[in-house]
Protein backbone atom coordinates (compact mmCIF):
# COMPACT_ATOMS: atom_id res chain seq x y z
CA UNK A 1 2.97 52.01 -23.85
CA UNK A 2 2.88 48.55 -25.47
CA UNK A 3 5.94 46.47 -26.32
CA UNK A 4 5.59 43.68 -28.89
CA UNK A 5 7.96 40.73 -28.91
CA UNK A 6 7.86 37.57 -30.95
CA UNK A 7 10.21 34.82 -31.94
CA UNK A 8 10.88 31.11 -32.14
CA UNK A 9 12.15 28.55 -29.67
CA UNK A 10 13.62 25.22 -30.64
CA UNK A 11 12.99 21.88 -29.00
CA UNK A 12 16.68 21.42 -28.33
CA UNK A 13 19.15 23.71 -26.61
CA UNK A 14 17.84 23.32 -23.06
CA UNK A 15 14.40 23.59 -21.48
CA UNK A 16 14.33 27.38 -21.03
CA UNK A 17 14.67 30.46 -23.22
CA UNK A 18 14.78 34.10 -22.09
CA UNK A 19 13.09 37.17 -23.55
CA UNK A 20 13.91 40.61 -22.11
CA UNK A 21 12.18 44.00 -22.07
CA UNK A 22 12.11 47.33 -20.21
CA UNK A 23 9.18 49.46 -19.04
CA UNK A 24 9.58 53.24 -18.78
CA UNK A 25 10.21 55.01 -15.49
CA UNK A 26 7.03 55.65 -13.52
CA UNK A 27 5.36 52.37 -14.49
CA UNK A 28 2.97 51.24 -11.73
CA UNK A 29 1.85 48.05 -13.45
CA UNK A 30 2.38 46.07 -16.63
CA UNK A 31 0.37 43.32 -18.28
CA UNK A 32 1.78 40.49 -20.40
CA UNK A 33 -0.44 38.82 -22.98
CA UNK A 34 0.98 35.91 -24.93
CA UNK A 35 0.18 33.25 -27.48
CA UNK A 36 1.99 30.14 -28.63
CA UNK A 37 1.77 28.48 -32.02
CA UNK A 38 1.20 25.81 -33.03
CA UNK A 39 -1.59 25.44 -30.49
CA UNK A 40 -0.51 21.92 -29.55
CA UNK A 41 2.78 23.24 -28.16
CA UNK A 42 3.02 24.44 -24.56
CA UNK A 43 5.32 27.20 -23.34
CA UNK A 44 5.39 27.93 -19.63
CA UNK A 45 5.77 31.54 -18.47
CA UNK A 46 7.59 33.14 -15.55
CA UNK A 47 8.93 36.62 -14.91
CA UNK A 48 12.13 37.87 -13.26
CA UNK A 49 12.69 41.54 -12.48
CA UNK A 50 15.90 43.49 -11.91
CA UNK A 51 15.78 42.31 -8.29
CA UNK A 52 14.95 38.67 -9.00
CA UNK A 53 11.96 36.34 -9.14
CA UNK A 54 8.50 37.87 -9.51
CA UNK A 55 6.30 34.91 -10.35
CA UNK A 56 5.41 31.83 -12.34
CA UNK A 57 2.16 30.96 -14.09
CA UNK A 58 3.33 27.93 -16.03
CA UNK A 59 1.08 27.08 -18.95
CA UNK A 60 -1.69 29.45 -17.88
CA UNK A 61 -2.86 31.25 -21.02
CA UNK A 62 -4.62 34.21 -19.38
CA UNK A 63 -2.86 37.60 -19.25
CA UNK A 64 -0.63 38.24 -16.23
CA UNK A 65 -0.13 41.56 -14.49
CA UNK A 66 2.71 42.66 -12.22
CA UNK A 67 2.28 45.81 -10.17
CA UNK A 68 3.84 47.76 -7.35
CA UNK A 69 0.96 47.12 -4.94
CA UNK A 70 -0.72 44.04 -6.43
CA UNK A 71 0.02 41.37 -9.02
CA UNK A 72 -1.88 38.57 -10.69
CA UNK A 73 -2.10 35.11 -9.12
CA UNK A 74 1.27 33.45 -8.91
CA UNK A 75 3.14 36.78 -9.00
CA UNK A 76 4.63 39.04 -6.35
CA UNK A 77 3.94 42.77 -6.07
CA UNK A 78 6.81 45.19 -5.62
CA UNK A 79 8.92 47.89 -7.24
CA UNK A 80 9.08 48.00 -11.03
CA UNK A 81 11.67 50.66 -11.82
CA UNK A 82 13.30 51.02 -15.20
CA UNK A 83 15.66 48.04 -15.21
CA UNK A 84 15.65 45.00 -17.49
CA UNK A 85 12.95 42.37 -17.03
CA UNK A 86 13.17 38.78 -18.19
CA UNK A 87 10.37 36.50 -19.32
CA UNK A 88 11.49 32.91 -18.85
CA UNK A 89 9.89 30.54 -21.37
CA UNK A 90 9.76 26.92 -20.27
CA UNK A 91 9.60 24.39 -23.08
CA UNK A 92 6.97 22.17 -21.52
CA UNK A 93 5.93 20.64 -24.83
CA UNK A 94 7.61 21.73 -28.05
CA UNK A 95 7.54 19.63 -31.22
CA UNK A 96 10.72 19.09 -33.27
CA UNK A 97 9.80 21.94 -35.62
CA UNK A 98 9.85 24.39 -32.70
CA UNK A 99 7.30 26.84 -31.32
CA UNK A 100 6.54 30.49 -32.01
CA UNK A 101 5.68 32.98 -29.26
CA UNK A 102 4.01 36.40 -29.56
CA UNK A 103 4.07 38.66 -26.51
CA UNK A 104 2.51 42.07 -25.90
CA UNK A 105 3.56 43.98 -22.76
CA UNK A 106 1.46 46.99 -21.79
CA UNK A 107 3.11 49.32 -19.27
CA UNK A 108 0.81 51.66 -17.31
CA UNK A 109 1.34 54.55 -14.94
CA UNK A 110 -1.90 53.73 -13.11
CA UNK A 111 -2.64 50.45 -11.34
CA UNK A 112 -5.82 48.49 -12.17
CA UNK A 113 -5.78 45.53 -9.77
CA UNK A 114 -7.54 45.68 -6.39
CA UNK A 115 -5.08 45.22 -3.53
CA UNK A 116 -5.43 42.06 -1.42
CA UNK A 117 -4.45 41.90 2.29
CA UNK A 118 -0.89 40.71 2.82
CA UNK A 119 1.34 40.39 5.85
CA UNK A 120 4.80 39.33 6.90
CA UNK A 121 5.04 35.77 8.16
CA UNK A 122 4.89 35.36 11.93
CA UNK A 123 5.23 31.88 13.49
CA UNK A 124 1.98 30.70 15.06
CA UNK A 125 1.20 27.82 17.42
CA UNK A 126 -2.37 26.49 17.18
CA UNK A 127 -1.93 23.80 19.85
CA UNK A 128 0.74 23.12 22.45
CA UNK A 129 -0.08 19.41 22.78
CA UNK A 130 2.36 16.71 21.75
CA UNK A 131 0.20 14.40 19.66
CA UNK A 132 -0.47 13.03 16.21
CA UNK A 133 -1.68 15.79 13.87
CA UNK A 134 -3.58 15.07 10.66
CA UNK A 135 -2.89 17.01 7.49
CA UNK A 136 -2.23 17.23 3.79
CA UNK A 137 1.20 18.09 2.40
CA UNK A 138 0.02 18.76 -1.15
CA UNK A 139 -2.70 21.39 -1.61
CA UNK A 140 -2.99 23.89 -4.46
CA UNK A 141 -4.82 27.21 -4.51
CA UNK A 142 -5.67 29.67 -7.23
CA UNK A 143 -2.09 30.94 -6.92
CA UNK A 144 -1.21 27.93 -9.08
CA UNK A 145 -1.88 28.56 -12.73
CA UNK A 146 -3.83 25.29 -13.07
CA UNK A 147 -5.92 25.56 -9.89
CA UNK A 148 -9.24 27.19 -8.99
CA UNK A 149 -9.49 26.83 -5.19
CA UNK A 150 -9.29 29.86 -2.92
CA UNK A 151 -7.11 29.63 0.17
CA UNK A 152 -10.23 30.01 2.30
CA UNK A 153 -11.98 27.14 0.50
CA UNK A 154 -8.99 24.88 1.16
CA UNK A 155 -8.98 25.79 4.84
CA UNK A 156 -12.75 25.28 5.14
CA UNK A 157 -12.58 21.85 3.53
CA UNK A 158 -9.59 20.79 5.62
CA UNK A 159 -11.34 21.89 8.82
CA UNK A 160 -14.58 20.11 7.90
CA UNK A 161 -12.62 16.88 7.44
CA UNK A 162 -10.85 17.16 10.80
CA UNK A 163 -7.42 18.13 9.51
CA UNK A 164 -4.98 20.15 11.57
CA UNK A 165 -2.66 21.43 8.82
CA UNK A 166 -2.12 21.79 5.10
CA UNK A 167 0.95 22.68 3.07
CA UNK A 168 0.31 25.48 0.55
CA UNK A 169 2.12 23.85 -2.36
CA UNK A 170 1.46 26.12 -5.32
CA UNK A 171 3.54 25.55 -8.44
CA UNK A 172 6.92 27.31 -8.45
CA UNK A 173 5.79 30.38 -6.53
CA UNK A 174 5.56 31.83 -3.04
CA UNK A 175 2.84 34.39 -3.83
CA UNK A 176 0.51 32.52 -1.46
CA UNK A 177 2.71 33.08 1.59
CA UNK A 178 1.87 36.72 2.32
CA UNK A 179 -1.83 36.04 1.68
CA UNK A 180 -1.74 33.22 4.22
CA UNK A 181 0.07 35.36 6.77
CA UNK A 182 -2.68 37.97 6.58
CA UNK A 183 -5.38 35.39 7.38
CA UNK A 184 -3.74 32.68 9.50
CA UNK A 185 -4.78 34.16 12.85
CA UNK A 186 -8.44 33.66 11.91
CA UNK A 187 -8.03 30.08 10.67
CA UNK A 188 -8.50 26.89 12.75
CA UNK A 189 -6.13 25.00 10.43
CA UNK A 190 -2.39 25.64 10.10
CA UNK A 191 -1.33 26.61 6.57
CA UNK A 192 2.37 25.96 6.13
CA UNK A 193 4.51 27.91 3.72
CA UNK A 194 5.40 25.73 0.79
CA UNK A 195 5.72 25.37 -2.94
CA UNK A 196 5.55 22.47 -5.34
CA UNK A 197 8.85 22.62 -7.16
CA UNK A 198 7.59 21.52 -10.52
CA UNK A 199 10.22 20.48 -13.03
CA UNK A 200 10.07 18.60 -16.31
CA UNK A 201 11.77 15.60 -14.68
CA UNK A 202 9.94 15.36 -11.36
CA UNK A 203 7.99 17.30 -8.75
CA UNK A 204 8.66 17.82 -5.06
CA UNK A 205 7.10 19.74 -2.22
CA UNK A 206 9.20 22.24 -0.36
CA UNK A 207 7.74 22.72 3.14
CA UNK A 208 8.62 25.64 5.39
CA UNK A 209 10.43 27.82 2.86
CA UNK A 210 10.29 31.61 2.74
CA UNK A 211 11.92 32.41 -0.62
CA UNK A 212 11.41 31.13 -4.14
CA UNK A 213 13.53 28.11 -5.05
CA UNK A 214 14.62 28.16 -8.68
CA UNK A 215 13.01 25.15 -10.34
CA UNK A 216 14.62 25.59 -13.77
CA UNK A 217 16.78 22.47 -13.95
CA UNK A 218 19.50 22.61 -16.58
CA UNK A 219 19.53 26.38 -16.78
CA UNK A 220 23.03 27.61 -15.90
CA UNK A 221 23.88 24.05 -14.86
CA UNK A 222 21.23 23.83 -12.14
CA UNK A 223 20.62 20.33 -10.75
CA UNK A 224 18.15 18.62 -8.45
CA UNK A 225 20.90 18.60 -5.82
CA UNK A 226 20.98 22.42 -5.99
CA UNK A 227 17.20 22.57 -5.56
CA UNK A 228 17.12 20.32 -2.50
CA UNK A 229 20.10 22.13 -0.96
CA UNK A 230 18.32 25.46 -1.37
CA UNK A 231 15.23 24.12 0.38
CA UNK A 232 17.34 22.84 3.26
CA UNK A 233 19.25 26.15 3.50
CA UNK A 234 15.94 27.91 4.18
CA UNK A 235 15.16 25.54 7.04
CA UNK A 236 12.63 23.62 4.97
CA UNK A 237 12.22 19.98 4.01
CA UNK A 238 11.89 18.39 0.58
CA UNK A 239 9.32 15.68 -0.19
CA UNK A 240 9.30 13.74 -3.46
CA UNK A 241 5.83 13.90 -5.00
CA UNK A 242 4.01 11.11 -6.88
CA UNK A 243 7.25 9.48 -8.04
CA UNK A 244 5.56 6.63 -9.94
CA UNK A 245 2.93 8.77 -11.68
CA UNK A 246 4.52 8.86 -15.10
CA UNK A 247 1.67 9.98 -17.38
CA UNK A 248 3.64 11.48 -20.25
CA UNK A 249 2.12 14.61 -21.74
CA UNK A 250 -1.02 14.16 -19.62
CA UNK A 251 1.04 15.30 -16.63
CA UNK A 252 4.32 16.74 -17.81
CA UNK A 253 7.15 15.94 -15.42
CA UNK A 254 4.99 14.14 -12.87
CA UNK A 255 7.13 10.99 -12.76
CA UNK A 256 10.33 11.22 -10.71
CA UNK A 257 13.36 10.88 -13.02
CA UNK A 258 15.98 11.54 -10.32
CA UNK A 259 16.17 8.14 -8.66
CA UNK A 260 19.86 7.87 -9.48
CA UNK A 261 21.01 11.47 -9.01
CA UNK A 262 18.90 12.82 -6.13
CA UNK A 263 20.76 13.39 -2.83
CA UNK A 264 18.46 11.01 -0.96
CA UNK A 265 20.03 11.66 2.43
CA UNK A 266 18.76 15.24 2.10
CA UNK A 267 15.20 14.21 1.14
CA UNK A 268 12.80 14.12 4.10
CA UNK A 269 9.92 12.11 2.73
CA UNK A 270 8.14 10.48 -0.18
CA UNK A 271 4.48 10.52 -1.13
CA UNK A 272 3.38 6.88 -1.00
CA UNK A 273 0.00 7.92 -2.39
CA UNK A 274 -1.06 11.08 -4.18
CA UNK A 275 -4.70 11.86 -4.96
CA UNK A 276 -7.33 9.24 -5.75
CA UNK A 277 -7.20 6.00 -3.76
CA UNK A 278 -9.01 3.61 -6.12
CA UNK A 279 -6.53 4.02 -8.96
CA UNK A 280 -3.45 4.97 -6.97
CA UNK A 281 -3.52 2.02 -4.59
CA UNK A 282 -3.40 -0.36 -7.56
CA UNK A 283 -1.23 1.48 -10.08
CA UNK A 284 1.13 3.68 -8.08
CA UNK A 285 1.42 2.93 -4.38
CA UNK A 286 2.97 -0.57 -4.83
CA UNK A 287 5.63 0.94 -7.12
CA UNK A 288 6.35 3.79 -4.71
CA UNK A 289 6.67 1.45 -1.74
CA UNK A 290 9.02 -0.73 -3.79
CA UNK A 291 11.16 2.36 -4.46
CA UNK A 292 10.91 3.41 -0.80
CA UNK A 293 12.10 0.00 0.37
CA UNK A 294 14.95 -0.02 -2.15
CA UNK A 295 16.14 3.38 -0.92
CA UNK A 296 15.85 2.27 2.70
CA UNK A 297 17.86 -0.85 1.83
CA UNK A 298 20.62 1.51 0.72
CA UNK A 299 20.59 3.21 4.12
CA UNK A 300 18.46 6.26 3.32
CA UNK A 301 15.70 7.18 5.74
CA UNK A 302 12.53 8.63 4.27
CA UNK A 303 9.26 9.46 5.97
CA UNK A 304 6.07 8.07 4.50
CA UNK A 305 3.81 11.03 3.69
CA UNK A 306 0.95 11.73 1.31
CA UNK A 307 -0.95 14.50 -0.42
CA UNK A 308 -4.25 15.01 -2.14
CA UNK A 309 -2.84 17.27 -4.88
CA UNK A 310 -6.23 19.01 -4.66
CA UNK A 311 -6.59 21.89 -7.13
CA UNK A 312 -10.26 22.78 -6.64
CA UNK A 313 -11.12 22.35 -2.94
CA UNK A 314 -12.91 19.09 -3.65
CA UNK A 315 -15.04 20.30 -6.58
CA UNK A 316 -15.05 18.23 -9.78
CA UNK A 317 -11.77 16.49 -9.00
CA UNK A 318 -12.28 13.91 -11.75
CA UNK A 319 -11.53 10.20 -11.71
CA UNK A 320 -7.98 10.44 -10.36
CA UNK A 321 -8.38 13.55 -8.21
CA UNK A 322 -9.15 13.77 -4.53
CA UNK A 323 -10.30 16.41 -2.04
CA UNK A 324 -8.05 17.90 0.61
CA UNK A 325 -7.28 15.17 3.16
CA UNK A 326 -7.55 12.18 0.83
CA UNK A 327 -5.10 10.66 1.58
CA UNK A 328 -4.22 11.93 5.07
CA UNK A 329 -0.67 12.38 6.36
CA UNK A 330 -0.27 12.09 10.14
CA UNK A 331 2.68 13.56 12.02
CA UNK A 332 3.69 13.22 15.65
CA UNK A 333 4.73 16.72 16.70
CA UNK A 334 5.42 18.56 19.94
CA UNK A 335 2.89 21.22 18.95
CA UNK A 336 0.82 22.37 16.01
CA UNK A 337 3.22 24.77 14.33
CA UNK A 338 5.11 24.86 11.07
CA UNK A 339 8.43 24.21 12.77
CA UNK A 340 7.10 21.29 14.85
CA UNK A 341 5.41 19.54 11.91
CA UNK A 342 8.62 19.86 9.90
CA UNK A 343 10.60 18.46 12.83
CA UNK A 344 8.20 15.51 13.07
CA UNK A 345 8.75 14.66 9.41
CA UNK A 346 12.52 14.98 9.81
CA UNK A 347 12.34 12.48 12.67
CA UNK A 348 10.17 10.11 10.60
CA UNK A 349 7.32 10.36 13.10
CA UNK A 350 4.73 9.80 10.38
CA UNK A 351 2.04 7.48 9.14
CA UNK A 352 -0.50 7.69 6.32
CA UNK A 353 -4.21 6.97 6.10
CA UNK A 354 -4.45 6.16 2.43
CA UNK A 355 -8.17 6.75 1.91
CA UNK A 356 -8.63 9.71 4.22
CA UNK A 357 -9.14 10.89 7.78
CA UNK A 358 -11.95 8.42 8.50
CA UNK A 359 -9.68 5.40 8.03
CA UNK A 360 -9.01 3.28 11.14
CA UNK A 361 -6.64 4.66 13.76
CA UNK A 362 -3.48 2.59 14.15
CA UNK A 363 -1.67 3.48 17.38
CA UNK A 364 1.67 1.68 17.70
CA UNK A 365 4.91 2.00 19.62
CA UNK A 366 7.89 -0.31 20.05
CA UNK A 367 9.21 -1.53 23.38
CA UNK A 368 12.80 -0.55 24.16
CA UNK A 369 15.52 -2.54 25.93
CA UNK A 370 15.00 -0.36 29.02
CA UNK A 371 11.29 -1.09 29.13
CA UNK A 372 10.12 2.18 27.61
CA UNK A 373 8.28 2.85 24.39
CA UNK A 374 9.75 4.17 21.15
CA UNK A 375 7.69 6.15 18.67
CA UNK A 376 7.56 5.46 14.94
CA UNK A 377 10.77 6.80 13.42
CA UNK A 378 12.91 6.20 16.52
CA UNK A 379 16.11 4.19 16.81
CA UNK A 380 15.83 1.19 19.11
CA UNK A 381 19.02 -0.63 20.15
CA UNK A 382 19.95 -3.64 22.22
CA UNK A 383 16.77 -5.69 21.88
CA UNK A 384 16.41 -9.36 21.01
CA UNK A 385 12.69 -9.57 20.50
CA UNK A 386 10.77 -6.79 18.79
CA UNK A 387 7.50 -6.05 20.56
CA UNK A 388 5.00 -3.53 19.21
CA UNK A 389 1.85 -2.95 21.27
CA UNK A 390 -0.93 -1.96 18.85
CA UNK A 391 -4.37 -0.46 19.35
CA UNK A 392 -6.68 -0.37 16.32
CA UNK A 393 -9.88 1.66 16.33
CA UNK A 394 -12.48 1.24 13.61
CA UNK A 395 -10.72 -1.58 11.72
CA UNK A 396 -12.93 -4.61 12.39
CA UNK A 397 -12.10 -7.34 9.89
CA UNK A 398 -8.99 -5.63 8.54
CA UNK A 399 -5.53 -7.19 8.71
CA UNK A 400 -2.70 -5.77 10.81
CA UNK A 401 0.75 -6.56 9.45
CA UNK A 402 4.34 -6.35 10.67
CA UNK A 403 6.99 -5.64 8.02
CA UNK A 404 10.72 -6.15 8.53
CA UNK A 405 13.23 -4.86 5.95
CA UNK A 406 10.56 -4.61 3.27
CA UNK A 407 9.05 -8.06 3.83
CA UNK A 408 5.96 -8.99 5.82
CA UNK A 409 6.68 -11.24 8.80
CA UNK A 410 3.28 -11.49 10.48
CA UNK A 411 -0.39 -10.71 9.97
CA UNK A 412 -3.30 -10.69 12.39
CA UNK A 413 -6.97 -10.06 11.70
CA UNK A 414 -8.54 -7.25 13.68
CA UNK A 415 -11.56 -8.41 15.69
CA UNK A 416 -13.85 -5.57 16.69
CA UNK A 417 -13.70 -1.80 16.39
CA UNK A 418 -11.63 -1.44 19.58
CA UNK A 419 -8.83 -3.96 19.28
CA UNK A 420 -5.47 -4.37 20.99
CA UNK A 421 -2.64 -6.79 20.37
CA UNK A 422 1.15 -6.98 20.41
CA UNK A 423 3.12 -7.71 17.26
CA UNK A 424 6.39 -9.57 17.87
CA UNK A 425 9.43 -10.64 15.88
CA UNK A 426 12.91 -11.98 16.62
CA UNK A 427 15.29 -10.69 13.97
CA UNK A 428 18.86 -11.78 13.38
CA UNK A 429 21.62 -9.73 14.93
CA UNK A 430 22.27 -6.42 13.22
CA UNK A 431 20.37 -3.49 11.76
CA UNK A 432 16.74 -3.83 10.71
CA UNK A 433 13.77 -1.58 10.04
CA UNK A 434 10.15 -2.21 10.92
CA UNK A 435 6.86 -0.71 9.88
CA UNK A 436 3.23 -1.58 10.48
CA UNK A 437 0.56 -1.71 7.80
CA UNK A 438 -3.19 -2.22 7.89
CA UNK A 439 -4.88 -3.92 4.93
CA UNK A 440 -8.59 -4.03 4.26
CA UNK A 441 -10.43 -7.32 3.76
CA UNK A 442 -9.72 -7.17 0.02
CA UNK A 443 -5.97 -7.10 0.60
CA UNK A 444 -5.38 -3.42 -0.17
CA UNK A 445 -3.36 -1.12 2.02
CA UNK A 446 -5.29 1.31 4.21
CA UNK A 447 -2.70 2.58 6.72
CA UNK A 448 1.11 2.59 6.45
CA UNK A 449 3.58 3.80 9.08
CA UNK A 450 7.13 4.99 8.69
CA UNK A 451 9.89 2.82 10.15
CA UNK A 452 11.52 2.12 13.46
CA UNK A 453 15.26 1.48 13.10
CA UNK A 454 16.37 -1.46 15.22
CA UNK A 455 19.82 -2.66 16.22
CA UNK A 456 19.07 -6.24 17.30
CA UNK A 457 21.11 -8.61 19.46
CA UNK A 458 19.84 -11.76 17.74
CA UNK A 459 18.94 -13.31 21.07
CA UNK A 460 15.28 -14.14 21.67
CA UNK A 461 13.67 -13.12 24.93
CA UNK A 462 10.55 -15.12 24.12
CA UNK A 463 9.15 -16.98 21.12
CA UNK A 464 11.13 -18.81 18.47
CA UNK A 465 14.13 -17.23 16.78
CA UNK A 466 13.12 -15.48 13.58
CA UNK A 467 9.40 -16.17 14.00
CA UNK A 468 6.98 -13.30 13.54
CA UNK A 469 3.83 -13.34 15.60
CA UNK A 470 1.59 -11.53 17.99
CA UNK A 471 -0.04 -11.93 21.35
CA UNK A 472 -3.72 -12.55 21.89
CA UNK A 473 -5.83 -9.52 21.07
CA UNK A 474 -8.56 -7.97 23.14
CA UNK A 475 -11.33 -9.62 21.10
CA UNK A 476 -10.96 -13.07 22.75
CA UNK A 477 -8.79 -16.16 22.73
CA UNK A 478 -8.72 -16.43 18.93
CA UNK A 479 -8.69 -12.74 18.13
CA UNK A 480 -4.94 -12.67 17.62
CA UNK A 481 -4.51 -15.60 15.25
CA UNK A 482 -1.67 -15.45 12.76
CA UNK A 483 -2.58 -16.42 9.22
CA UNK A 484 -0.24 -19.14 7.93
CA UNK A 485 2.32 -17.56 5.66
CA UNK A 486 1.51 -19.67 2.58
CA UNK A 487 -2.17 -18.83 2.80
CA UNK A 488 -1.26 -15.21 3.42
CA UNK A 489 0.82 -14.98 0.25
CA UNK A 490 -1.91 -16.62 -1.81
CA UNK A 491 -4.55 -14.27 -0.43
CA UNK A 492 -2.48 -11.21 -1.23
CA UNK A 493 -1.68 -12.45 -4.73
CA UNK A 494 -5.36 -12.98 -5.46
CA UNK A 495 -6.27 -9.57 -4.09
CA UNK A 496 -3.52 -7.67 -5.93
CA UNK A 497 -3.30 -9.44 -9.28
């Protein structure tokens, strides 16, 4: 049995339009084929059954099949029944004259798709060590309509690059979750349940969710606040993706348009770099860090994270693409598990290697008033002088920087591939935040940490009040020199102009 539907959608009247149909009783599988005219217009496709969400393929033009035992990529298998089904048309790109859709739905009593192994999710712990784990929060598989990478290819690439985890962030679907659960026990890399919630006004990664989160902003009054609340209600975290990557129709909805209306206290992190380093570090990362600092100035706390946005497991990524692990997000967690990585991000125990896993290691902690050490992301109260012991491996010639409240207060050149120093600062009394950055010799960021949150007394315990500095490094008497601030500013302006 084939059902033919066609009609028009207008550019106005909201971003989504619904088309409904019914298959006869006894249907084991149905296939939807569709076309959009004019060809320059783009309509996204998703399907909801009588029991709710069944999948999203976005602008994918190939036919989609939904079956009892197996469905096409991006879609969930399950009962079909004889209730009403809804095709949700997203107006990704519709000219003022409107677009025309033509849909043919073929309902069959016999299934045609081979059945893939699936399983229920079971929490798994791949390591019980408390340490820094390297990963990628933004990885697509073939379950995304615009991706070609298999789950196995993503895992293999991540493992070869020394990563510990990835987040399976396929567009507006959870079809990848059961596939992951069936294979996770055989994988050396943790694959976390996720989805990239892809809207026409911004994208964000949900990490650690188990159900679909409705991405259709504006439909029935849905807002970005509703989206983020739904992620949190599932025990997940929400990360804002590539907020400064506003490429118009080349990447519909990539730029983050919710700076003013997002519930930032409910957002866990922000991608300070997404995909290719050479372009991103110049065009996007400075803008994202400016936004990050502005939000932190308002009292919001956001973890610095990153994602490759890899769609092809490193094959033919193009000029702005990047393979899994470039850049690399690093999370301090009590163990290698989905729950522990999420907890590490919530606590802001993060740092980012902007080029990839082979970037220098920056190991830093802050001394507490009691003489202990606080990890990145911790609150530190009752101190006069900030002291941050630092150990840099593989960064000979790079520049280690201390940043207070969004402004750099000190910089020291790394001497040797095994280098130690202590960064110091005496802030005024009150609340401050600190992070550490590592720049290469050309003045571009290589490593960025999240913040410590300091409640300072304003009383120096050593050094001059308000002066940033550092102790002598392990490379010799001059290894810990501080570049004069005027020369520092000039160098950075030359490098970043």
